[in-house]
Amino acid sequence: IAVRVLLGLHLEEPRIRYLSKIFEQLMSNLFSLPVDAPLSGLRKGKRARDILHSTMERIIEEKLAKQHSDEYCDAFDYMLSGAKESDYSLSMQELKVRHVALELIFAAHSTTASASTSLILQLMRHPDVAERTRAELEAEGLVLDACGACLRCKEGSTGGFESFRDREDDYVVKEMLRYLPPVSGGYRTVLQTFELNGYQIPKGWSVMYSIRDTHETAAAYQKPELFDPERFSAERDESKNSRFSYVPFGGGVRMCIGREFAVIVLKTLCVELLATVEWSLATETYPRMQTVPIVHPVNGLHVNFNYRNHKPTALSLSD
């Protein structure tokens, strides 16, 4: 999804499989010991990064060769347009396009995959929430066709992204991002020396803020240890009076630039799943969750999907 929507790249299946393998090698060695030796995690990670950079550079060059100046189909097109308006050279080296492309894919893939897995997990652990959300979707006209193969809207029902807001699926996605934020924390650079609880924090230091701890301890939330989507309903909206109590995408001018993209993907996934399938855990116990480098179930989340009126299909949602 990220490669197509953000970069506008339509890759052949063999190419996607190859890049996915290299990308997983990069991810698995992201937090390696700083020892650049043969067969070390750092060496493997750097090699994977270099392969991705060179491959993305070739792919983007192919895209540039086919691009028309008046086409705006994806985020990459707008980035190039901004560079032209700023009188920057469009050489691959000066724009550092390969680094930006890799960052977009890294950020979009890892966090969205984590959040999607957590969404499926929480709806499975809380069937009452799933049923309540499904009932609202059915009431709004989202139904299966006669073959049970796709979604359609009943005549007269409203559509568009505006209908995604202030609805049960909206609450579910918000609460999932509060309860299991894909990224546990972030960093900021101190611009001016300040004092906090008697400690002086010098200018230039890097400080880390914890997204997970904020969501678990913020006074704005009633019983934060519970998964409760209704806390974001219009009647309650527990985070509205506390600016930094809800920060799954960070905050300030450095807030995640892809937050709206991620939310739309998650809400679409929520609607599609609840309206078309039912699912259950394919293992005896729920998986243990790991938080580094992103939140994910150890050894993946194994699930049986039962497409309505069809035989169940076993899938594994890995990290």
Protein backbone atom coordinates (compact mmCIF):
# COMPACT_ATOMS: atom_id res chain seq x y z
CA ILE A 1 0.00 0.00 0.00
CA ALA A 2 2.74 2.45 0.96
CA VAL A 3 4.77 1.80 -2.19
CA ARG A 4 1.74 2.40 -4.41
CA VAL A 5 0.06 5.29 -2.61
CA LEU A 6 3.05 7.24 -1.34
CA LEU A 7 5.55 6.57 -4.12
CA GLY A 8 3.20 5.63 -6.96
CA LEU A 9 5.25 2.54 -7.81
CA HIS A 10 3.57 -0.50 -9.36
CA LEU A 11 6.07 -3.34 -9.00
CA GLU A 12 5.98 -6.83 -10.42
CA GLU A 13 5.41 -9.68 -7.95
CA PRO A 14 9.00 -11.09 -8.17
CA ARG A 15 10.39 -7.62 -7.47
CA ILE A 16 8.08 -7.16 -4.49
CA ARG A 17 9.09 -10.53 -3.02
CA TYR A 18 12.79 -9.69 -3.44
CA LEU A 19 12.46 -6.24 -1.83
CA SER A 20 10.34 -7.67 0.99
CA LYS A 21 13.05 -10.19 1.81
CA ILE A 22 15.73 -7.49 1.88
CA PHE A 23 13.47 -5.20 3.89
CA GLU A 24 12.90 -7.90 6.53
CA GLN A 25 16.67 -8.35 6.77
CA LEU A 26 17.00 -4.62 7.47
CA MET A 27 14.23 -4.73 10.08
CA SER A 28 15.59 -7.79 11.89
CA ASN A 29 19.00 -6.11 12.33
CA LEU A 30 17.76 -2.63 13.18
CA PHE A 31 18.87 -2.78 16.83
CA SER A 32 22.19 -4.58 16.49
CA LEU A 33 25.35 -4.17 18.50
CA PRO A 34 27.58 -1.43 16.97
CA VAL A 35 30.14 -3.98 15.77
CA ASP A 36 30.82 -3.76 12.04
CA ALA A 37 32.30 -7.22 11.52
CA PRO A 38 31.60 -9.97 8.95
CA LEU A 39 28.31 -11.79 9.67
CA SER A 40 27.40 -9.24 12.37
CA GLY A 41 23.90 -7.82 12.58
CA LEU A 42 25.19 -4.33 11.82
CA ARG A 43 26.96 -5.51 8.66
CA LYS A 44 23.85 -7.40 7.49
CA GLY A 45 21.65 -4.40 8.19
CA LYS A 46 23.94 -1.99 6.34
CA ARG A 47 24.12 -4.35 3.38
CA ALA A 48 20.32 -4.59 3.25
CA ARG A 49 20.06 -0.80 3.46
CA ASP A 50 22.50 -0.33 0.59
CA ILE A 51 20.65 -2.85 -1.58
CA LEU A 52 17.34 -1.10 -0.88
CA HIS A 53 18.86 2.30 -1.66
CA SER A 54 20.32 1.21 -4.99
CA THR A 55 17.17 -0.69 -5.96
CA MET A 56 14.86 2.19 -5.04
CA GLU A 57 17.09 4.58 -6.96
CA ARG A 58 16.69 2.49 -10.13
CA ILE A 59 12.93 2.16 -9.62
CA ILE A 60 12.49 5.89 -9.02
CA GLU A 61 14.61 6.73 -12.06
CA GLU A 62 12.24 4.58 -14.11
CA LYS A 63 9.31 6.51 -12.64
CA LEU A 64 10.93 9.87 -13.40
CA ALA A 65 11.51 8.83 -17.00
CA LYS A 66 7.79 8.13 -17.45
CA GLN A 67 6.46 11.08 -15.44
CA HIS A 68 4.65 14.01 -17.02
CA SER A 69 5.14 17.43 -15.47
CA ASP A 70 1.43 17.98 -14.81
CA GLU A 71 0.77 14.62 -13.13
CA TYR A 72 0.10 14.47 -9.38
CA CYS A 73 -0.79 10.92 -8.43
CA ASP A 74 1.14 10.35 -5.19
CA ALA A 75 3.22 11.95 -2.45
CA PHE A 76 6.38 11.50 -4.48
CA ASP A 77 5.00 13.65 -7.31
CA TYR A 78 4.27 16.49 -4.87
CA MET A 79 7.75 16.19 -3.38
CA LEU A 80 9.32 16.56 -6.81
CA SER A 81 7.05 19.51 -7.59
CA GLY A 82 8.13 21.23 -4.39
CA ALA A 83 11.78 20.71 -5.30
CA LYS A 84 11.21 22.28 -8.71
CA GLU A 85 9.49 25.32 -7.23
CA SER A 86 12.39 25.77 -4.80
CA ASP A 87 14.88 25.76 -7.70
CA TYR A 88 16.61 22.64 -6.37
CA SER A 89 18.53 20.43 -8.76
CA LEU A 90 16.59 17.27 -9.54
CA SER A 91 19.63 15.01 -9.51
CA MET A 92 19.09 11.88 -7.44
CA GLN A 93 22.05 12.68 -5.22
CA GLU A 94 21.05 16.27 -4.40
CA LEU A 95 17.42 15.46 -3.65
CA LYS A 96 18.44 12.36 -1.68
CA VAL A 97 15.29 10.78 -3.04
CA ARG A 98 16.40 7.27 -2.30
CA HIS A 99 16.72 8.08 1.42
CA VAL A 100 13.30 9.73 1.52
CA ALA A 101 11.71 6.81 -0.36
CA LEU A 102 13.23 4.25 2.00
CA GLU A 103 12.12 6.28 5.02
CA LEU A 104 8.54 6.48 3.70
CA ILE A 105 8.40 2.74 3.10
CA PHE A 106 10.02 1.93 6.44
CA ALA A 107 7.70 4.19 8.45
CA ALA A 108 4.50 3.25 6.59
CA HIS A 109 5.13 -0.50 6.44
CA SER A 110 6.29 -1.17 9.97
CA THR A 111 3.86 0.98 11.91
CA THR A 112 0.81 0.21 9.77
CA ALA A 113 1.54 -3.53 9.87
CA SER A 114 1.90 -3.35 13.64
CA ALA A 115 -1.33 -1.38 14.10
CA SER A 116 -3.26 -3.65 11.73
CA THR A 117 -2.18 -6.73 13.65
CA SER A 118 -3.07 -5.09 16.97
CA LEU A 119 -6.48 -4.12 15.59
CA ILE A 120 -7.27 -7.72 14.63
CA LEU A 121 -5.98 -8.93 18.00
CA GLN A 122 -8.06 -6.50 20.08
CA LEU A 123 -11.27 -7.11 18.15
CA MET A 124 -10.71 -10.84 18.65
CA ARG A 125 -10.12 -10.42 22.39
CA HIS A 126 -13.19 -8.20 22.75
CA PRO A 127 -16.04 -9.79 20.76
CA ASP A 128 -18.58 -7.41 22.33
CA VAL A 129 -16.75 -4.47 20.76
CA ALA A 130 -16.60 -6.26 17.41
CA GLU A 131 -20.32 -7.07 17.46
CA ARG A 132 -21.30 -3.55 18.48
CA THR A 133 -19.21 -2.07 15.67
CA ARG A 134 -20.50 -4.60 13.14
CA ALA A 135 -24.11 -3.83 14.11
CA GLU A 136 -23.53 -0.12 13.48
CA LEU A 137 -21.97 -0.83 10.08
CA GLU A 138 -24.96 -2.97 9.12
CA ALA A 139 -27.34 -0.24 10.28
CA GLU A 140 -25.51 2.23 8.05
CA GLY A 141 -25.91 0.02 4.98
CA LEU A 142 -22.59 -1.77 4.70
CA VAL A 143 -23.63 -5.30 3.73
CA LEU A 144 -22.46 -8.37 1.84
CA ASP A 145 -23.76 -9.09 -1.62
CA ALA A 146 -25.62 -12.30 -2.44
CA CYS A 147 -22.35 -14.17 -3.00
CA GLY A 148 -20.79 -12.92 0.21
CA ALA A 149 -17.84 -11.71 -1.80
CA CYS A 150 -17.81 -7.93 -1.53
CA LEU A 151 -19.23 -4.86 0.18
CA ARG A 152 -21.89 -2.57 -1.18
CA CYS A 153 -23.88 0.30 0.23
CA LYS A 154 -27.64 0.15 0.42
CA GLU A 155 -29.44 2.64 -1.71
CA GLY A 156 -29.61 6.04 -0.04
CA SER A 157 -26.75 5.50 2.43
CA THR A 158 -24.00 8.11 2.58
CA GLY A 159 -20.39 7.46 1.68
CA GLY A 160 -17.08 9.26 1.64
CA PHE A 161 -14.35 9.59 4.23
CA GLU A 162 -16.38 12.08 6.30
CA SER A 163 -18.63 9.17 7.35
CA PHE A 164 -15.62 7.51 9.00
CA ARG A 165 -15.61 10.04 11.85
CA ASP A 166 -17.56 9.81 15.10
CA ARG A 167 -18.51 6.20 14.49
CA GLU A 168 -17.78 2.98 16.38
CA ASP A 169 -14.95 2.00 14.03
CA ASP A 170 -13.42 5.44 14.62
CA TYR A 171 -13.49 4.84 18.40
CA VAL A 172 -12.02 1.35 17.97
CA VAL A 173 -9.06 2.58 15.91
CA LYS A 174 -8.35 5.46 18.32
CA GLU A 175 -8.48 3.20 21.36
CA MET A 176 -6.29 0.58 19.70
CA LEU A 177 -3.66 3.27 18.99
CA ARG A 178 -3.89 4.37 22.63
CA TYR A 179 -3.82 0.86 24.07
CA LEU A 180 -1.10 -0.56 21.77
CA PRO A 181 0.69 2.33 20.05
CA PRO A 182 2.95 0.88 17.32
CA VAL A 183 5.88 3.07 18.39
CA SER A 184 6.61 3.21 22.10
CA GLY A 185 8.33 6.60 22.15
CA GLY A 186 10.12 9.35 20.31
CA TYR A 187 13.01 11.78 20.58
CA ARG A 188 13.33 15.56 20.65
CA THR A 189 16.37 17.86 20.78
CA VAL A 190 16.49 20.41 23.61
CA LEU A 191 16.50 23.89 22.06
CA GLN A 192 16.93 25.77 25.33
CA THR A 193 18.23 24.69 28.73
CA PHE A 194 15.40 24.06 31.18
CA GLU A 195 14.75 22.54 34.59
CA LEU A 196 12.44 19.61 35.31
CA ASN A 197 11.76 18.31 38.83
CA GLY A 198 14.99 19.82 40.09
CA TYR A 199 17.14 18.50 37.22
CA GLN A 200 18.72 20.77 34.63
CA ILE A 201 18.37 19.58 31.01
CA PRO A 202 21.06 21.29 28.88
CA LYS A 203 20.52 22.72 25.42
CA GLY A 204 21.48 20.26 22.68
CA TRP A 205 20.63 17.12 24.63
CA SER A 206 18.32 14.53 23.14
CA VAL A 207 15.38 13.58 25.31
CA MET A 208 13.01 10.66 24.89
CA TYR A 209 9.29 10.80 25.57
CA SER A 210 7.28 7.63 26.10
CA ILE A 211 4.07 7.31 24.11
CA ARG A 212 3.11 4.08 25.84
CA ASP A 213 3.67 5.39 29.38
CA THR A 214 1.78 8.58 28.56
CA HIS A 215 -1.25 6.60 27.41
CA GLU A 216 -1.09 4.33 30.46
CA THR A 217 -0.67 7.04 33.12
CA ALA A 218 -2.41 10.17 31.79
CA ALA A 219 -4.95 11.41 34.31
CA ALA A 220 -7.41 12.09 31.48
CA TYR A 221 -8.24 8.40 31.11
CA GLN A 222 -10.58 6.44 33.33
CA LYS A 223 -9.23 2.90 33.89
CA PRO A 224 -6.51 3.21 31.22
CA GLU A 225 -5.60 -0.48 31.66
CA LEU A 226 -8.88 -1.46 29.97
CA PHE A 227 -9.53 -1.57 26.23
CA ASP A 228 -12.53 0.75 26.04
CA PRO A 229 -13.26 2.39 22.65
CA GLU A 230 -16.22 4.29 24.12
CA ARG A 231 -13.78 6.57 25.92
CA PHE A 232 -13.45 8.38 22.56
CA SER A 233 -17.18 8.73 21.94
CA ALA A 234 -18.65 12.21 21.61
CA GLU A 235 -20.26 11.85 25.04
CA ARG A 236 -16.99 11.07 26.84
CA ASP A 237 -13.97 11.95 24.65
CA GLU A 238 -11.58 11.65 27.57
CA SER A 239 -8.59 13.12 25.72
CA LYS A 240 -10.18 16.36 24.49
CA ASN A 241 -9.22 18.47 27.51
CA SER A 242 -5.63 17.24 27.75
CA ARG A 243 -3.47 18.25 24.81
CA PHE A 244 -0.70 15.68 25.16
CA SER A 245 -2.55 12.75 26.72
CA TYR A 246 -3.06 11.10 23.30
CA VAL A 247 0.11 11.01 21.18
CA PRO A 248 0.25 7.80 19.08
CA PHE A 249 1.73 9.88 16.23
CA GLY A 250 3.84 12.17 18.38
CA GLY A 251 3.07 15.88 18.69
CA GLY A 252 4.04 19.36 17.65
CA VAL A 253 5.55 20.31 14.29
CA ARG A 254 7.33 16.95 14.13
CA MET A 255 4.13 14.93 14.38
CA CYS A 256 4.06 11.90 12.06
CA ILE A 257 3.37 13.17 8.55
CA GLY A 258 1.61 9.94 7.60
CA ARG A 259 -0.93 9.93 10.44
CA GLU A 260 -3.99 10.56 8.25
CA PHE A 261 -2.86 7.90 5.77
CA ALA A 262 -2.42 5.38 8.59
CA VAL A 263 -5.81 6.14 10.16
CA ILE A 264 -7.63 5.76 6.83
CA VAL A 265 -5.91 2.41 6.20
CA LEU A 266 -6.84 1.16 9.69
CA LYS A 267 -10.46 2.30 9.48
CA THR A 268 -10.83 0.74 6.04
CA LEU A 269 -9.37 -2.52 7.36
CA CYS A 270 -11.73 -2.43 10.34
CA VAL A 271 -14.80 -1.92 8.15
CA GLU A 272 -13.80 -4.56 5.59
CA LEU A 273 -13.03 -7.21 8.22
CA LEU A 274 -16.14 -6.72 10.31
CA ALA A 275 -18.43 -6.60 7.28
CA THR A 276 -17.02 -9.60 5.45
CA VAL A 277 -15.38 -12.11 7.82
CA GLU A 278 -15.21 -13.57 11.29
CA TRP A 279 -11.96 -14.76 12.81
CA SER A 280 -10.61 -16.73 15.74
CA LEU A 281 -7.25 -17.53 17.29
CA ALA A 282 -5.48 -20.46 15.62
CA THR A 283 -3.28 -21.17 18.66
CA GLU A 284 -4.11 -22.24 22.20
CA THR A 285 -3.04 -18.97 23.80
CA TYR A 286 -2.69 -15.37 22.75
CA PRO A 287 0.85 -14.42 21.72
CA ARG A 288 3.24 -12.49 23.90
CA MET A 289 3.68 -8.90 22.69
CA GLN A 290 7.09 -7.35 22.09
CA THR A 291 7.55 -3.57 21.95
CA VAL A 292 10.95 -3.20 20.23
CA PRO A 293 11.51 -1.94 17.58
CA ILE A 294 7.73 -1.74 17.13
CA VAL A 295 4.84 -3.46 18.91
CA HIS A 296 4.31 -6.94 17.48
CA PRO A 297 3.36 -10.45 18.61
CA VAL A 298 6.31 -12.76 19.13
CA ASN A 299 6.25 -15.41 16.37
CA GLY A 300 3.31 -13.66 14.71
CA LEU A 301 -0.44 -13.71 15.26
CA HIS A 302 -1.97 -16.94 13.91
CA VAL A 303 -5.63 -16.53 13.00
CA ASN A 304 -8.40 -18.53 11.32
CA PHE A 305 -10.45 -16.29 9.04
CA ASN A 306 -13.92 -17.51 8.20
CA TYR A 307 -15.28 -15.70 5.16
CA ARG A 308 -19.04 -15.79 5.71
CA ASN A 309 -20.59 -18.93 4.18
CA HIS A 310 -17.09 -20.08 3.21
CA LYS A 311 -14.55 -22.46 4.72
CA PRO A 312 -12.10 -20.99 7.23
CA THR A 313 -8.64 -20.00 6.05
CA ALA A 314 -5.65 -20.07 8.41
CA LEU A 315 -3.30 -17.11 8.15
CA SER A 316 -0.32 -15.89 10.10
CA LEU A 317 0.12 -12.16 10.66
CA SER A 318 3.83 -11.82 11.32
CA ASP A 319 5.66 -8.79 12.54
